[in-house]
N, C-alpha and C. Protein backbone atom coordinates (compact mmCIF):
# COMPACT_ATOMS: atom_id res chain seq x y z
N MET A 1 63.09 9.99 41.54
CA MET A 1 64.44 9.56 41.65
C MET A 1 64.47 8.04 41.34
N SER A 2 65.36 7.65 40.51
CA SER A 2 65.44 6.25 40.11
C SER A 2 65.98 5.39 41.23
N GLN A 3 65.72 4.08 41.14
CA GLN A 3 66.18 3.12 42.13
C GLN A 3 67.69 3.16 42.27
N LEU A 4 68.40 3.27 41.13
CA LEU A 4 69.86 3.30 41.14
C LEU A 4 70.35 4.56 41.81
N SER A 5 69.73 5.69 41.51
CA SER A 5 70.13 6.96 42.16
C SER A 5 69.92 6.93 43.67
N ARG A 6 68.81 6.38 44.11
CA ARG A 6 68.55 6.27 45.51
C ARG A 6 69.58 5.37 46.21
N ALA A 7 69.85 4.23 45.56
CA ALA A 7 70.80 3.31 46.13
C ALA A 7 72.22 3.93 46.21
N PHE A 8 72.63 4.63 45.14
CA PHE A 8 73.94 5.29 45.15
C PHE A 8 73.97 6.39 46.23
N ARG A 9 72.92 7.17 46.34
CA ARG A 9 72.90 8.23 47.31
C ARG A 9 73.04 7.64 48.72
N SER A 10 72.28 6.61 48.98
CA SER A 10 72.34 5.96 50.32
C SER A 10 73.70 5.43 50.59
N PHE A 11 74.33 4.78 49.58
CA PHE A 11 75.64 4.21 49.76
C PHE A 11 76.67 5.31 49.96
N ALA A 12 76.60 6.40 49.17
CA ALA A 12 77.52 7.51 49.29
C ALA A 12 77.42 8.19 50.64
N GLU A 13 76.17 8.39 51.11
CA GLU A 13 75.99 9.03 52.45
C GLU A 13 76.58 8.16 53.50
N ALA A 14 76.32 6.89 53.50
CA ALA A 14 76.83 5.95 54.53
C ALA A 14 78.35 5.93 54.48
N THR A 15 78.89 5.85 53.28
CA THR A 15 80.38 5.80 53.15
C THR A 15 81.03 7.05 53.65
N ALA A 16 80.43 8.19 53.30
CA ALA A 16 81.01 9.48 53.79
C ALA A 16 80.89 9.61 55.27
N ARG A 17 79.77 9.13 55.82
CA ARG A 17 79.54 9.20 57.24
C ARG A 17 80.55 8.29 58.03
N TYR A 18 80.68 7.07 57.58
CA TYR A 18 81.53 6.08 58.29
C TYR A 18 83.00 6.33 58.06
N SER A 19 83.35 6.77 56.86
CA SER A 19 84.81 6.99 56.56
C SER A 19 85.42 8.13 57.36
N GLY A 20 84.59 9.02 57.90
CA GLY A 20 85.07 10.08 58.69
C GLY A 20 85.13 9.82 60.20
N ARG A 21 84.90 8.62 60.58
CA ARG A 21 84.89 8.27 61.99
C ARG A 21 86.26 7.71 62.44
N PRO A 22 86.53 7.82 63.73
CA PRO A 22 87.84 7.31 64.21
C PRO A 22 88.03 5.81 63.95
N THR A 23 86.93 5.04 63.92
CA THR A 23 87.02 3.60 63.72
C THR A 23 87.63 3.31 62.31
N ALA A 24 87.14 4.08 61.33
CA ALA A 24 87.61 3.91 59.96
C ALA A 24 89.13 4.20 59.87
N PHE A 25 89.54 5.20 60.58
CA PHE A 25 90.99 5.53 60.61
C PHE A 25 91.76 4.41 61.27
N LEU A 26 91.29 3.92 62.35
CA LEU A 26 91.93 2.82 63.06
C LEU A 26 92.06 1.56 62.19
N ILE A 27 90.99 1.25 61.46
CA ILE A 27 91.03 0.10 60.58
C ILE A 27 92.08 0.30 59.45
N ALA A 28 92.09 1.49 58.89
CA ALA A 28 93.06 1.75 57.85
C ALA A 28 94.52 1.70 58.41
N ALA A 29 94.73 2.27 59.58
CA ALA A 29 96.00 2.19 60.20
C ALA A 29 96.41 0.75 60.52
N PHE A 30 95.44 -0.05 60.95
CA PHE A 30 95.71 -1.47 61.22
C PHE A 30 96.13 -2.20 59.97
N VAL A 31 95.44 -1.93 58.89
CA VAL A 31 95.79 -2.54 57.58
C VAL A 31 97.21 -2.17 57.18
N VAL A 32 97.59 -0.95 57.38
CA VAL A 32 98.92 -0.49 57.02
C VAL A 32 99.97 -1.25 57.90
N VAL A 33 99.70 -1.30 59.20
CA VAL A 33 100.61 -1.98 60.13
C VAL A 33 100.75 -3.48 59.76
N VAL A 34 99.66 -4.14 59.43
CA VAL A 34 99.73 -5.55 59.02
C VAL A 34 100.51 -5.68 57.76
N TRP A 35 100.29 -4.78 56.80
CA TRP A 35 101.02 -4.85 55.56
C TRP A 35 102.48 -4.61 55.81
N ALA A 36 102.85 -3.66 56.63
CA ALA A 36 104.27 -3.35 56.95
C ALA A 36 104.89 -4.57 57.66
N ALA A 37 104.16 -5.14 58.58
CA ALA A 37 104.70 -6.29 59.35
C ALA A 37 104.86 -7.52 58.43
N SER A 38 104.08 -7.60 57.42
CA SER A 38 104.22 -8.76 56.51
C SER A 38 105.41 -8.57 55.47
N GLY A 39 106.00 -7.45 55.51
CA GLY A 39 107.12 -7.17 54.58
C GLY A 39 108.22 -8.19 54.62
N PRO A 40 108.75 -8.51 55.79
CA PRO A 40 109.84 -9.50 55.82
C PRO A 40 109.44 -10.90 55.27
N MET A 41 108.13 -11.23 55.48
CA MET A 41 107.66 -12.52 54.97
C MET A 41 107.73 -12.54 53.45
N PHE A 42 107.47 -11.45 52.82
CA PHE A 42 107.52 -11.37 51.35
C PHE A 42 108.81 -10.71 50.85
N HIS A 43 109.78 -10.59 51.74
CA HIS A 43 111.11 -10.09 51.37
C HIS A 43 111.03 -8.69 50.75
N PHE A 44 110.02 -7.91 51.22
CA PHE A 44 109.82 -6.53 50.77
C PHE A 44 109.82 -6.46 49.25
N GLY A 45 109.27 -7.42 48.60
CA GLY A 45 109.29 -7.52 47.17
C GLY A 45 108.34 -6.55 46.46
N ASP A 46 108.44 -6.62 45.16
CA ASP A 46 107.63 -5.76 44.30
C ASP A 46 106.16 -6.06 44.49
N THR A 47 105.77 -7.30 44.58
CA THR A 47 104.39 -7.75 44.75
C THR A 47 103.85 -7.20 46.07
N TRP A 48 104.68 -7.26 47.07
CA TRP A 48 104.28 -6.78 48.45
C TRP A 48 103.97 -5.24 48.35
N GLN A 49 104.80 -4.52 47.66
CA GLN A 49 104.58 -3.07 47.50
C GLN A 49 103.36 -2.81 46.59
N LEU A 50 103.24 -3.63 45.58
CA LEU A 50 102.08 -3.47 44.62
C LEU A 50 100.75 -3.58 45.35
N VAL A 51 100.67 -4.49 46.28
CA VAL A 51 99.44 -4.76 47.03
C VAL A 51 98.92 -3.43 47.72
N ILE A 52 99.81 -2.80 48.43
CA ILE A 52 99.37 -1.59 49.19
C ILE A 52 99.12 -0.41 48.14
N ASN A 53 99.99 -0.34 47.19
CA ASN A 53 99.77 0.74 46.17
C ASN A 53 98.49 0.60 45.41
N THR A 54 98.20 -0.61 45.01
CA THR A 54 96.94 -0.88 44.25
C THR A 54 95.77 -0.67 45.12
N GLY A 55 95.82 -1.24 46.37
CA GLY A 55 94.69 -1.05 47.28
C GLY A 55 94.38 0.38 47.59
N THR A 56 95.40 1.14 47.93
CA THR A 56 95.16 2.54 48.28
C THR A 56 94.68 3.37 47.09
N THR A 57 95.18 3.04 45.92
CA THR A 57 94.78 3.78 44.75
C THR A 57 93.30 3.52 44.41
N ILE A 58 92.92 2.27 44.47
CA ILE A 58 91.48 1.93 44.17
C ILE A 58 90.57 2.56 45.23
N ILE A 59 90.94 2.42 46.50
CA ILE A 59 90.06 3.04 47.52
C ILE A 59 89.96 4.56 47.35
N THR A 60 91.09 5.20 47.14
CA THR A 60 91.11 6.67 46.97
C THR A 60 90.23 7.06 45.76
N PHE A 61 90.46 6.35 44.63
CA PHE A 61 89.74 6.65 43.39
C PHE A 61 88.23 6.59 43.64
N LEU A 62 87.73 5.51 44.24
CA LEU A 62 86.33 5.36 44.54
C LEU A 62 85.78 6.36 45.55
N MET A 63 86.60 6.63 46.60
CA MET A 63 86.16 7.56 47.66
C MET A 63 85.97 8.98 47.12
N VAL A 64 86.78 9.34 46.15
CA VAL A 64 86.64 10.71 45.56
C VAL A 64 85.23 10.89 45.01
N PHE A 65 84.68 9.92 44.34
CA PHE A 65 83.36 10.03 43.75
C PHE A 65 82.26 10.00 44.82
N LEU A 66 82.44 9.14 45.81
CA LEU A 66 81.42 9.02 46.87
C LEU A 66 81.40 10.29 47.71
N ILE A 67 82.57 10.80 48.08
CA ILE A 67 82.62 12.00 48.91
C ILE A 67 82.16 13.21 48.13
N GLN A 68 82.55 13.28 46.88
CA GLN A 68 82.06 14.40 46.02
C GLN A 68 80.57 14.42 45.88
N ASN A 69 79.96 13.26 45.76
CA ASN A 69 78.48 13.17 45.70
C ASN A 69 77.87 13.73 46.95
N SER A 70 78.40 13.36 48.12
CA SER A 70 77.90 13.91 49.40
C SER A 70 78.13 15.39 49.51
N GLN A 71 79.28 15.82 49.06
CA GLN A 71 79.63 17.27 49.12
C GLN A 71 78.73 18.06 48.21
N ASN A 72 78.45 17.58 47.03
CA ASN A 72 77.49 18.27 46.13
C ASN A 72 76.15 18.43 46.76
N ARG A 73 75.60 17.41 47.37
CA ARG A 73 74.31 17.50 48.04
C ARG A 73 74.34 18.48 49.17
N ASP A 74 75.41 18.40 49.99
CA ASP A 74 75.55 19.34 51.09
C ASP A 74 75.63 20.78 50.67
N SER A 75 76.39 21.03 49.64
CA SER A 75 76.52 22.39 49.08
C SER A 75 75.17 22.84 48.55
N ALA A 76 74.42 22.01 47.82
CA ALA A 76 73.16 22.42 47.28
C ALA A 76 72.16 22.73 48.39
N ALA A 77 72.11 21.86 49.44
CA ALA A 77 71.24 22.16 50.60
C ALA A 77 71.63 23.44 51.29
N LEU A 78 72.93 23.70 51.49
CA LEU A 78 73.35 24.94 52.12
C LEU A 78 72.95 26.13 51.27
N GLN A 79 73.12 26.04 49.96
CA GLN A 79 72.74 27.10 49.08
C GLN A 79 71.25 27.40 49.16
N ILE A 80 70.44 26.40 49.19
CA ILE A 80 68.98 26.55 49.32
C ILE A 80 68.65 27.27 50.65
N LYS A 81 69.34 26.87 51.72
CA LYS A 81 69.08 27.50 53.05
C LYS A 81 69.47 28.95 53.01
N LEU A 82 70.60 29.26 52.42
CA LEU A 82 71.02 30.64 52.34
C LEU A 82 70.08 31.46 51.45
N ASP A 83 69.61 30.87 50.33
CA ASP A 83 68.67 31.54 49.47
C ASP A 83 67.37 31.83 50.26
N GLU A 84 66.94 30.92 51.11
CA GLU A 84 65.74 31.16 51.87
C GLU A 84 65.94 32.30 52.91
N LEU A 85 67.13 32.31 53.52
CA LEU A 85 67.43 33.41 54.43
C LEU A 85 67.44 34.76 53.77
N ILE A 86 68.00 34.80 52.61
CA ILE A 86 68.04 36.06 51.85
C ILE A 86 66.63 36.44 51.42
N ARG A 87 65.85 35.51 50.98
CA ARG A 87 64.46 35.76 50.59
C ARG A 87 63.59 36.22 51.78
N ALA A 88 63.82 35.65 52.94
CA ALA A 88 62.98 35.93 54.10
C ALA A 88 63.40 37.20 54.84
N THR A 89 64.59 37.71 54.62
CA THR A 89 65.03 38.89 55.31
C THR A 89 64.96 40.09 54.36
N GLU A 90 65.49 41.18 54.83
CA GLU A 90 65.48 42.41 54.05
C GLU A 90 66.72 42.53 53.16
N ALA A 91 67.45 41.40 53.04
CA ALA A 91 68.61 41.41 52.10
C ALA A 91 68.11 41.53 50.65
N ARG A 92 69.00 41.87 49.81
CA ARG A 92 68.67 42.04 48.40
C ARG A 92 68.45 40.66 47.75
N ASN A 93 67.30 40.49 47.16
CA ASN A 93 67.01 39.19 46.49
C ASN A 93 67.86 38.95 45.28
N SER A 94 68.50 39.97 44.73
CA SER A 94 69.34 39.79 43.61
C SER A 94 70.59 38.92 43.97
N LEU A 95 70.85 38.81 45.26
CA LEU A 95 72.01 37.99 45.72
C LEU A 95 71.73 36.49 45.58
N ILE A 96 70.47 36.13 45.41
CA ILE A 96 70.09 34.69 45.37
C ILE A 96 70.81 33.94 44.24
N ASP A 97 70.96 34.62 43.09
CA ASP A 97 71.51 33.96 41.88
C ASP A 97 73.03 34.20 41.73
N LEU A 98 73.71 34.50 42.77
CA LEU A 98 75.15 34.80 42.69
C LEU A 98 75.96 33.57 42.13
N ASP A 99 75.48 32.35 42.44
CA ASP A 99 76.24 31.21 42.00
C ASP A 99 76.23 31.04 40.49
N ASP A 100 75.39 31.79 39.80
CA ASP A 100 75.37 31.71 38.32
C ASP A 100 76.36 32.72 37.68
N LEU A 101 76.98 33.59 38.49
CA LEU A 101 77.86 34.61 37.94
C LEU A 101 79.28 34.03 37.64
N ASP A 102 80.05 34.72 36.79
CA ASP A 102 81.38 34.25 36.54
C ASP A 102 82.31 34.78 37.65
N GLU A 103 83.53 34.31 37.64
CA GLU A 103 84.46 34.61 38.71
C GLU A 103 84.80 36.08 38.79
N ASP A 104 84.87 36.79 37.66
CA ASP A 104 85.18 38.23 37.69
C ASP A 104 84.07 39.04 38.38
N ALA A 105 82.85 38.70 38.05
CA ALA A 105 81.71 39.39 38.66
C ALA A 105 81.68 39.12 40.17
N LEU A 106 81.91 37.88 40.54
CA LEU A 106 81.94 37.56 41.96
C LEU A 106 83.06 38.32 42.71
N GLN A 107 84.19 38.44 42.06
CA GLN A 107 85.32 39.19 42.65
C GLN A 107 84.97 40.67 42.81
N ARG A 108 84.30 41.28 41.78
CA ARG A 108 83.86 42.66 41.94
C ARG A 108 82.88 42.84 43.10
N ILE A 109 81.92 41.93 43.21
CA ILE A 109 80.97 42.02 44.32
C ILE A 109 81.63 41.84 45.65
N ARG A 110 82.58 40.87 45.72
CA ARG A 110 83.27 40.63 46.95
C ARG A 110 84.08 41.88 47.32
N GLU A 111 84.71 42.55 46.40
CA GLU A 111 85.47 43.75 46.69
C GLU A 111 84.54 44.89 47.13
N ASN A 112 83.34 44.99 46.55
CA ASN A 112 82.41 45.97 47.03
C ASN A 112 81.98 45.73 48.49
N TYR A 113 81.81 44.48 48.83
CA TYR A 113 81.43 44.15 50.24
C TYR A 113 82.63 44.45 51.15
N ARG A 114 83.84 44.22 50.71
CA ARG A 114 84.99 44.56 51.58
C ARG A 114 85.02 46.08 51.82
N LYS A 115 84.81 46.86 50.76
CA LYS A 115 84.78 48.29 50.88
C LYS A 115 83.64 48.72 51.83
N LEU A 116 82.46 48.15 51.73
CA LEU A 116 81.36 48.47 52.58
C LEU A 116 81.69 48.12 54.03
N ALA A 117 82.27 46.95 54.25
CA ALA A 117 82.67 46.54 55.59
C ALA A 117 83.70 47.53 56.21
N HIS A 118 84.64 47.96 55.34
CA HIS A 118 85.67 48.92 55.81
C HIS A 118 85.02 50.24 56.19
N ARG A 119 84.08 50.69 55.33
CA ARG A 119 83.36 51.91 55.65
C ARG A 119 82.61 51.84 56.95
N LYS A 120 81.91 50.66 57.14
CA LYS A 120 81.13 50.51 58.43
C LYS A 120 82.05 50.50 59.62
N GLU A 121 83.22 49.87 59.47
CA GLU A 121 84.17 49.84 60.58
C GLU A 121 84.67 51.26 60.92
N GLU A 122 84.94 52.07 59.89
CA GLU A 122 85.37 53.46 60.06
C GLU A 122 84.24 54.27 60.78
N GLU A 123 83.03 54.05 60.30
CA GLU A 123 81.91 54.79 60.94
C GLU A 123 81.74 54.38 62.38
N ALA A 124 81.88 53.09 62.67
CA ALA A 124 81.76 52.61 64.04
C ALA A 124 82.91 53.21 64.87
N ARG A 125 84.08 53.27 64.33
CA ARG A 125 85.23 53.80 65.06
C ARG A 125 84.99 55.29 65.36
N ARG A 126 84.56 56.03 64.30
CA ARG A 126 84.31 57.44 64.52
C ARG A 126 83.17 57.69 65.50
N SER A 127 82.14 56.85 65.44
CA SER A 127 81.07 57.00 66.35
C SER A 127 81.51 56.67 67.77
N HIS A 128 82.40 55.64 67.91
CA HIS A 128 82.94 55.33 69.20
C HIS A 128 83.77 56.50 69.76
N ASP A 129 84.65 57.05 68.87
CA ASP A 129 85.47 58.16 69.29
C ASP A 129 84.61 59.37 69.69
N ALA A 130 83.58 59.66 68.95
CA ALA A 130 82.65 60.75 69.32
C ALA A 130 81.96 60.48 70.58
N SER A 131 81.52 59.25 70.78
CA SER A 131 80.89 58.84 72.03
C SER A 131 81.82 58.97 73.20
N ARG A 132 83.05 58.59 72.97
CA ARG A 132 84.06 58.69 74.02
C ARG A 132 84.32 60.17 74.39
N ARG A 133 84.40 61.01 73.31
CA ARG A 133 84.62 62.44 73.59
C ARG A 133 83.42 63.04 74.33
N ALA A 134 82.23 62.67 73.91
CA ALA A 134 81.01 63.15 74.59
C ALA A 134 80.96 62.69 76.03
N ARG A 135 81.33 61.44 76.24
CA ARG A 135 81.37 60.91 77.62
C ARG A 135 82.40 61.65 78.48
N SER A 136 83.56 61.95 77.88
CA SER A 136 84.61 62.69 78.61
C SER A 136 84.10 64.09 78.95
N GLN A 137 83.47 64.68 77.97
CA GLN A 137 82.95 66.00 78.15
C GLN A 137 81.93 66.03 79.26
N GLN A 138 81.02 65.01 79.28
CA GLN A 138 80.00 64.94 80.28
C GLN A 138 80.64 64.68 81.71
N GLU A 139 81.62 63.81 81.71
CA GLU A 139 82.34 63.55 83.00
C GLU A 139 83.01 64.83 83.48
N ALA A 140 83.58 65.63 82.58
CA ALA A 140 84.25 66.89 82.96
C ALA A 140 83.20 67.87 83.50
N GLU A 141 82.08 67.92 82.81
CA GLU A 141 81.02 68.84 83.28
C GLU A 141 80.50 68.38 84.67
N GLU A 142 80.32 67.07 84.85
CA GLU A 142 79.89 66.59 86.13
C GLU A 142 80.88 66.87 87.22
N ALA A 143 82.21 66.71 86.89
CA ALA A 143 83.23 67.03 87.88
C ALA A 143 83.19 68.52 88.19
N CYS A 144 83.03 69.38 87.21
CA CYS A 144 82.98 70.83 87.45
C CYS A 144 81.74 71.14 88.35
N GLU A 145 80.62 70.50 88.07
CA GLU A 145 79.42 70.71 88.85
C GLU A 145 79.66 70.29 90.30
N GLU A 146 80.36 69.13 90.49
CA GLU A 146 80.73 68.68 91.85
C GLU A 146 81.62 69.72 92.56
N VAL A 147 82.59 70.26 91.83
CA VAL A 147 83.46 71.27 92.42
C VAL A 147 82.62 72.51 92.80
N ARG A 148 81.73 72.94 91.94
CA ARG A 148 80.88 74.12 92.26
C ARG A 148 80.01 73.81 93.46
N GLU A 149 79.51 72.59 93.58
CA GLU A 149 78.63 72.18 94.70
C GLU A 149 79.53 72.20 96.03
N ILE A 150 80.73 71.73 95.92
CA ILE A 150 81.63 71.76 97.08
C ILE A 150 81.94 73.18 97.48
N ASP A 151 82.17 74.03 96.42
CA ASP A 151 82.43 75.45 96.73
C ASP A 151 81.23 76.09 97.47
N ARG A 152 80.02 75.77 97.02
CA ARG A 152 78.79 76.29 97.65
C ARG A 152 78.69 75.83 99.07
N GLU A 153 79.01 74.51 99.28
CA GLU A 153 78.93 73.95 100.67
C GLU A 153 79.97 74.56 101.56
N LEU A 154 81.16 74.84 100.99
CA LEU A 154 82.21 75.50 101.77
C LEU A 154 81.84 76.89 102.09
N ALA A 155 81.32 77.59 101.08
CA ALA A 155 80.87 79.01 101.35
C ALA A 155 79.79 79.00 102.38
N GLN A 156 78.82 78.11 102.31
CA GLN A 156 77.74 78.07 103.28
C GLN A 156 78.31 77.72 104.66
N ALA A 157 79.26 76.76 104.72
CA ALA A 157 79.81 76.38 106.02
C ALA A 157 80.64 77.56 106.56
N SER A 158 81.34 78.29 105.69
CA SER A 158 82.11 79.45 106.16
C SER A 158 81.19 80.51 106.70
N ALA A 159 80.08 80.75 105.99
CA ALA A 159 79.09 81.75 106.44
C ALA A 159 78.49 81.35 107.74
N ASP A 160 78.14 80.07 107.90
CA ASP A 160 77.60 79.56 109.12
C ASP A 160 78.60 79.70 110.27
N HIS A 161 79.88 79.41 109.99
CA HIS A 161 80.93 79.51 110.96
C HIS A 161 81.11 80.97 111.42
N ARG A 162 81.10 81.95 110.48
CA ARG A 162 81.19 83.36 110.81
C ARG A 162 80.05 83.78 111.70
N GLU A 163 78.83 83.36 111.29
CA GLU A 163 77.67 83.73 112.11
C GLU A 163 77.74 83.18 113.52
N ALA A 164 78.21 81.96 113.61
CA ALA A 164 78.30 81.26 114.93
C ALA A 164 79.36 81.98 115.80
N HIS A 165 80.48 82.43 115.25
CA HIS A 165 81.50 83.11 116.00
C HIS A 165 81.28 84.57 116.16
N ALA A 166 80.46 85.14 115.36
CA ALA A 166 80.19 86.57 115.48
C ALA A 166 79.28 86.81 116.69
N GLY A 167 78.44 85.93 116.90
CA GLY A 167 77.59 86.01 118.11
C GLY A 167 76.61 87.16 118.03
N PRO A 168 75.87 87.35 119.12
CA PRO A 168 74.84 88.40 119.12
C PRO A 168 75.45 89.79 119.30
N ASP A 169 76.74 89.94 119.67
CA ASP A 169 77.34 91.23 119.90
C ASP A 169 77.58 91.95 118.55
N SER A 170 77.71 91.26 117.47
CA SER A 170 78.05 91.94 116.24
C SER A 170 77.01 92.74 115.69
């Protein structure tokens, strides 16, 4: 990497980092307040307006390039990380080169994944419904078994009661 590239990268990173902080916003807001407060001194003239317009245009123009440079690096790093995750897992390695495809191909792939997700949701819902039905069936069977157990206990208690009241005379 050339000296100029390293210097630009360092400057772009620092600018992107510092321009996103609250202090940077407060400084910019302070500049606007000072500019607005100086309006009566300059009779709100064309030169007064030109100062803020020119200043903001130049800063915006330069910031676009600096922030885009940082964004490009971040996107490339993220893409490499995703590629490594795809490579390291059981995902399809053919997905690694998706960024080389045209928009139509990406749209078709995206639609296929939507359909796959919808299918998986339906399967999960059906599985959940079947699970719920099986659970209800099991609960009903357990309740019936409890009723049968109660019936057996009542029958046993009734038999014991009859034996106790029948006594030895019977």
